[in-house]
C-alpha atoms as a PDB file:
ATOM      1  CA  MET A   1      26.254  13.468  19.993  1.00  0.00           C
ATOM      2  CA  ASN A   2      27.300  16.553  22.953  1.00  0.00           C
ATOM      3  CA  LEU A   3      23.565  16.751  24.877  1.00  0.00           C
ATOM      4  CA  HIS A   4      25.526  20.230  26.416  1.00  0.00           C
ATOM      5  CA  ALA A   5      24.275  21.590  22.446  1.00  0.00           C
ATOM      6  CA  LEU A   6      20.712  21.695  24.048  1.00  0.00           C
ATOM      7  CA  GLU A   7      21.392  24.248  26.104  1.00  0.00           C
ATOM      8  CA  VAL A   8      22.749  26.638  23.049  1.00  0.00           C
ATOM      9  CA  ILE A   9      19.011  26.391  21.519  1.00  0.00           C
ATOM     10  CA  ASP A  10      16.933  27.464  24.202  1.00  0.00           C
ATOM     11  CA  GLY A  11      18.893  26.938  27.589  1.00  0.00           C
ATOM     12  CA  THR A  12      16.705  24.106  28.571  1.00  0.00           C
ATOM     13  CA  GLY A  13      16.365  21.318  25.702  1.00  0.00           C
ATOM     14  CA  THR A  14      13.477  19.203  25.368  1.00  0.00           C
ATOM     15  CA  ALA A  15      12.888  15.800  26.402  1.00  0.00           C
ATOM     16  CA  THR A  16      12.458  14.665  22.105  1.00  0.00           C
ATOM     17  CA  LEU A  17      15.485  16.898  20.753  1.00  0.00           C
ATOM     18  CA  SER A  18      17.420  14.786  23.871  1.00  0.00           C
ATOM     19  CA  SER A  19      16.472  11.885  22.923  1.00  0.00           C
ATOM     20  CA  TYR A  20      16.751  12.433  19.495  1.00  0.00           C
ATOM     21  CA  LEU A  21      20.637  13.436  19.760  1.00  0.00           C
ATOM     22  CA  GLU A  22      20.995  10.439  21.556  1.00  0.00           C
ATOM     23  CA  THR A  23      19.825   8.262  18.921  1.00  0.00           C
ATOM     24  CA  LEU A  24      21.738  10.118  16.222  1.00  0.00           C
ATOM     25  CA  GLY A  25      25.046   9.374  18.901  1.00  0.00           C
ATOM     26  CA  LEU A  26      23.894   5.357  19.513  1.00  0.00           C
ATOM     27  CA  VAL A  27      23.803   5.280  15.378  1.00  0.00           C
ATOM     28  CA  GLU A  28      27.425   7.118  14.916  1.00  0.00           C
ATOM     29  CA  ARG A  29      29.048   5.081  17.629  1.00  0.00           C
ATOM     30  CA  MET A  30      27.427   1.640  16.481  1.00  0.00           C
ATOM     31  CA  HIS A  31      28.388   2.230  13.173  1.00  0.00           C
ATOM     32  CA  ARG A  32      32.113   2.953  14.100  1.00  0.00           C
ATOM     33  CA  LEU A  33      31.843  -0.177  16.728  1.00  0.00           C
ATOM     34  CA  LEU A  34      30.569  -2.508  13.676  1.00  0.00           C
ATOM     35  CA  LEU A  35      33.878  -1.423  11.841  1.00  0.00           C
ATOM     36  CA  ASP A  36      36.065  -2.105  14.233  1.00  0.00           C
ATOM     37  CA  ILE A  37      34.309  -5.773  15.006  1.00  0.00           C
ATOM     38  CA  VAL A  38      35.137  -6.374  11.563  1.00  0.00           C
ATOM     39  CA  LYS A  39      38.706  -4.847  12.138  1.00  0.00           C
ATOM     40  CA  ASP A  40      39.427  -7.051  14.691  1.00  0.00           C
ATOM     41  CA  GLU A  41      37.996 -10.105  13.167  1.00  0.00           C
ATOM     42  CA  PHE A  42      40.228  -9.627  10.233  1.00  0.00           C
ATOM     43  CA  GLU A  43      43.141  -8.777  12.340  1.00  0.00           C
ATOM     44  CA  ARG A  44      42.963 -12.288  14.321  1.00  0.00           C
ATOM     45  CA  ILE A  45      42.899 -14.138  10.843  1.00  0.00           C
ATOM     46  CA  GLY A  46      45.318 -12.724   9.052  1.00  0.00           C
ATOM     47  CA  LEU A  47      43.258 -10.637   6.765  1.00  0.00           C
ATOM     48  CA  LEU A  48      44.767  -7.311   5.771  1.00  0.00           C
ATOM     49  CA  ASP A  49      44.421  -6.398   2.209  1.00  0.00           C
ATOM     50  CA  ILE A  50      40.856  -5.068   2.764  1.00  0.00           C
ATOM     51  CA  ASN A  51      39.053  -2.800   5.206  1.00  0.00           C
ATOM     52  CA  PRO A  52      36.184  -2.857   6.611  1.00  0.00           C
ATOM     53  CA  ILE A  53      34.031  -0.601   4.687  1.00  0.00           C
ATOM     54  CA  GLN A  54      35.007  -2.631   1.461  1.00  0.00           C
ATOM     55  CA  ALA A  55      34.337  -5.654   3.486  1.00  0.00           C
ATOM     56  CA  LEU A  56      30.899  -4.666   4.423  1.00  0.00           C
ATOM     57  CA  LEU A  57      30.310  -3.259   0.688  1.00  0.00           C
ATOM     58  CA  LEU A  58      31.089  -7.235  -0.112  1.00  0.00           C
ATOM     59  CA  PHE A  59      28.906  -8.115   2.423  1.00  0.00           C
ATOM     60  CA  ASN A  60      25.786  -5.906   1.305  1.00  0.00           C
ATOM     61  CA  VAL A  61      26.253  -7.026  -2.522  1.00  0.00           C
ATOM     62  CA  GLY A  62      25.998 -10.538  -1.977  1.00  0.00           C
ATOM     63  CA  ALA A  63      24.924 -12.684  -4.635  1.00  0.00           C
ATOM     64  CA  ASN A  64      23.543  -9.467  -6.690  1.00  0.00           C
ATOM     65  CA  GLU A  65      24.754  -7.870  -9.785  1.00  0.00           C
ATOM     66  CA  VAL A  66      24.323  -4.379  -9.890  1.00  0.00           C
ATOM     67  CA  THR A  67      25.795  -0.948 -10.963  1.00  0.00           C
ATOM     68  CA  ALA A  68      27.837   1.384  -9.082  1.00  0.00           C
ATOM     69  CA  GLY A  69      25.442   3.492  -9.263  1.00  0.00           C
ATOM     70  CA  GLU A  70      22.772   0.884  -7.514  1.00  0.00           C
ATOM     71  CA  LEU A  71      25.444   0.021  -4.919  1.00  0.00           C
ATOM     72  CA  ARG A  72      24.274   3.380  -3.097  1.00  0.00           C
ATOM     73  CA  SER A  73      20.542   3.895  -4.063  1.00  0.00           C
ATOM     74  CA  ARG A  74      19.694   0.392  -2.845  1.00  0.00           C
ATOM     75  CA  GLY A  75      21.975   0.908   0.230  1.00  0.00           C
ATOM     76  CA  PHE A  76      24.622  -1.591  -0.202  1.00  0.00           C
ATOM     77  CA  TYR A  77      27.178   1.150  -0.089  1.00  0.00           C
ATOM     78  CA  GLN A  78      27.022   4.173   2.706  1.00  0.00           C
ATOM     79  CA  GLY A  79      30.275   6.069   1.625  1.00  0.00           C
ATOM     80  CA  SER A  80      31.058   8.635  -1.025  1.00  0.00           C
ATOM     81  CA  ASN A  81      34.496   7.139  -2.214  1.00  0.00           C
ATOM     82  CA  VAL A  82      32.369   4.446  -4.266  1.00  0.00           C
ATOM     83  CA  SER A  83      34.677   4.126  -6.947  1.00  0.00           C
ATOM     84  CA  TYR A  84      37.920   3.416  -5.066  1.00  0.00           C
ATOM     85  CA  ASN A  85      36.676   1.321  -2.790  1.00  0.00           C
ATOM     86  CA  LEU A  86      35.271  -0.721  -5.910  1.00  0.00           C
ATOM     87  CA  ARG A  87      38.198  -0.297  -8.608  1.00  0.00           C
ATOM     88  CA  LYS A  88      40.487  -1.757  -5.033  1.00  0.00           C
ATOM     89  CA  LEU A  89      37.873  -4.398  -4.623  1.00  0.00           C
ATOM     90  CA  VAL A  90      38.212  -5.256  -8.230  1.00  0.00           C
ATOM     91  CA  ASP A  91      42.123  -5.328  -8.242  1.00  0.00           C
ATOM     92  CA  LEU A  92      42.334  -7.541  -5.211  1.00  0.00           C
ATOM     93  CA  GLY A  93      40.022  -9.990  -6.744  1.00  0.00           C
ATOM     94  CA  TYR A  94      37.026  -9.977  -4.455  1.00  0.00           C
ATOM     95  CA  MET A  95      34.780  -7.730  -7.138  1.00  0.00           C
ATOM     96  CA  HIS A  96      34.169  -8.726 -11.076  1.00  0.00           C
ATOM     97  CA  HIS A  97      33.107  -5.690 -12.961  1.00  0.00           C
ATOM     98  CA  GLU A  98      31.956  -5.618 -16.824  1.00  0.00           C
ATOM     99  CA  ARG A  99      30.945  -3.019 -18.678  1.00  0.00           C
ATOM    100  CA  SER A 100      27.257  -3.054 -19.870  1.00  0.00           C
ATOM    101  CA  SER A 101      27.018  -4.084 -23.820  1.00  0.00           C
ATOM    102  CA  VAL A 102      24.044  -1.762 -24.398  1.00  0.00           C
ATOM    103  CA  ASP A 103      25.496   1.064 -22.120  1.00  0.00           C
ATOM    104  CA  ARG A 104      29.166   1.074 -22.446  1.00  0.00           C
ATOM    105  CA  ARG A 105      29.198   4.049 -19.598  1.00  0.00           C
ATOM    106  CA  SER A 106      27.204   1.258 -17.228  1.00  0.00           C
ATOM    107  CA  VAL A 107      29.653  -1.137 -15.187  1.00  0.00           C
ATOM    108  CA  ARG A 108      27.765  -3.870 -13.217  1.00  0.00           C
ATOM    109  CA  VAL A 109      29.672  -5.814 -10.320  1.00  0.00           C
ATOM    110  CA  ARG A 110      29.082  -8.727  -8.720  1.00  0.00           C
ATOM    111  CA  LEU A 111      31.572 -10.989  -6.159  1.00  0.00           C
ATOM    112  CA  THR A 112      33.989 -13.375  -7.406  1.00  0.00           C
ATOM    113  CA  GLU A 113      34.507 -16.948  -4.933  1.00  0.00           C
ATOM    114  CA  ARG A 114      37.106 -14.766  -3.151  1.00  0.00           C
ATOM    115  CA  GLY A 115      34.632 -12.204  -2.538  1.00  0.00           C
ATOM    116  CA  LEU A 116      31.735 -14.370  -1.458  1.00  0.00           C
ATOM    117  CA  GLU A 117      34.254 -16.426   1.019  1.00  0.00           C
ATOM    118  CA  ILE A 118      34.484 -12.610   2.911  1.00  0.00           C
ATOM    119  CA  ARG A 119      31.032 -12.441   2.388  1.00  0.00           C
ATOM    120  CA  GLN A 120      30.191 -15.851   4.389  1.00  0.00           C
ATOM    121  CA  MET A 121      33.122 -14.967   7.154  1.00  0.00           C
ATOM    122  CA  LEU A 122      31.110 -12.248   7.830  1.00  0.00           C
ATOM    123  CA  LEU A 123      27.989 -14.191   7.747  1.00  0.00           C
ATOM    124  CA  LYS A 124      29.168 -16.481  10.269  1.00  0.00           C
ATOM    125  CA  LEU A 125      30.812 -13.694  12.793  1.00  0.00           C
ATOM    126  CA  PHE A 126      27.115 -12.179  12.620  1.00  0.00           C
ATOM    127  CA  ASP A 127      25.492 -15.418  13.065  1.00  0.00           C
ATOM    128  CA  GLU A 128      27.681 -16.103  16.318  1.00  0.00           C
ATOM    129  CA  HIS A 129      27.002 -12.813  17.610  1.00  0.00           C
ATOM    130  CA  SER A 130      22.892 -13.159  17.288  1.00  0.00           C
ATOM    131  CA  LYS A 131      23.273 -16.460  19.071  1.00  0.00           C
ATOM    132  CA  ILE A 132      25.377 -15.326  21.908  1.00  0.00           C
ATOM    133  CA  ILE A 133      23.000 -12.078  22.115  1.00  0.00           C
ATOM    134  CA  SER A 134      20.365 -14.273  22.468  1.00  0.00           C
ATOM    135  CA  GLY A 135      21.649 -16.940  24.854  1.00  0.00           C
ATOM    136  CA  ARG A 136      22.158 -14.085  27.252  1.00  0.00           C
ATOM    137  CA  GLU A 137      18.900 -12.659  26.607  1.00  0.00           C
ATOM    138  CA  LEU A 138      20.707  -9.539  26.386  1.00  0.00           C
ATOM    139  CA  LEU A 139      17.793  -8.129  23.627  1.00  0.00           C
ATOM    140  CA  PRO A 140      15.246 -10.338  22.746  1.00  0.00           C
ATOM    141  CA  VAL A 141      14.114 -10.499  19.188  1.00  0.00           C
ATOM    142  CA  ALA A 142      10.939  -8.769  19.770  1.00  0.00           C
ATOM    143  CA  ALA A 143      12.943  -5.786  21.495  1.00  0.00           C
ATOM    144  CA  MET A 144      15.383  -6.004  18.232  1.00  0.00           C
ATOM    145  CA  GLU A 145      12.491  -5.680  15.707  1.00  0.00           C
ATOM    146  CA  ASP A 146      10.928  -2.636  17.689  1.00  0.00           C
ATOM    147  CA  ALA A 147      14.557  -0.893  17.373  1.00  0.00           C
ATOM    148  CA  ASN A 148      14.644  -1.640  13.528  1.00  0.00           C
ATOM    149  CA  ASN A 149      11.331  -0.258  13.031  1.00  0.00           C
ATOM    150  CA  ALA A 150      12.182   2.850  15.276  1.00  0.00           C
ATOM    151  CA  LEU A 151      15.213   3.256  12.914  1.00  0.00           C
ATOM    152  CA  ARG A 152      13.352   2.648   9.343  1.00  0.00           C
ATOM    153  CA  LYS A 153      10.992   5.466  10.421  1.00  0.00           C
ATOM    154  CA  VAL A 154      14.246   7.718  11.617  1.00  0.00           C
ATOM    155  CA  GLU A 155      15.523   6.522   8.038  1.00  0.00           C
ATOM    156  CA  ARG A 156      12.381   7.323   5.959  1.00  0.00           C
ATOM    157  CA  PHE A 157      12.492  10.538   7.835  1.00  0.00           C
ATOM    158  CA  TRP A 158      16.071  11.813   6.905  1.00  0.00           C
ATOM    159  CA  THR A 159      15.744  10.798   3.180  1.00  0.00           C
ATOM    160  CA  GLU A 160      12.100  12.666   2.607  1.00  0.00           C
ATOM    161  CA  GLN A 161      14.017  15.525   4.166  1.00  0.00           C
ATOM    162  CA  ILE A 162      17.089  14.927   1.749  1.00  0.00           C
ATOM    163  CA  ARG A 163      14.359  14.682  -1.144  1.00  0.00           C
ATOM    164  CA  TYR A 164      13.010  17.906   0.049  1.00  0.00           C
ATOM    165  CA  ILE A 165      16.138  19.736  -0.281  1.00  0.00           C
ATOM    166  CA  TYR A 166      16.386  19.355  -3.531  1.00  0.00           C
END
């Protein structure tokens, strides 16, 4: 985020606005870095048929069986092109889809064995990262929990803002 944008608002900016813009920038950069971490890991092992967004979708779905619509509402998928990514993951054998016998318009998806392997691979990567962070004392668990709590509050606020608009 460009902190110089503060000057446009009132010529001085505020501490709250400055901190909020920094938080927004950090969240955005961290998401991009997470995608880069997954991409680098896949390149290292030669897995090039899926992208990091698709891999994180597999990771987040895990052992659940959900409808395509539930992917976003449950927070399993953050993007706008869920249909494309689901179709690609099904075509590549990472996900299985099945039409509901009750409502033929509804499609349920779950991971195949191949999809579960990708999830396990990411879980191992994230576990290694958590051990490095802990071992180097980069961020104590209590500090991570505080950060998570703060980000959950921002998430709730944004969710309320979206619901308020509609």
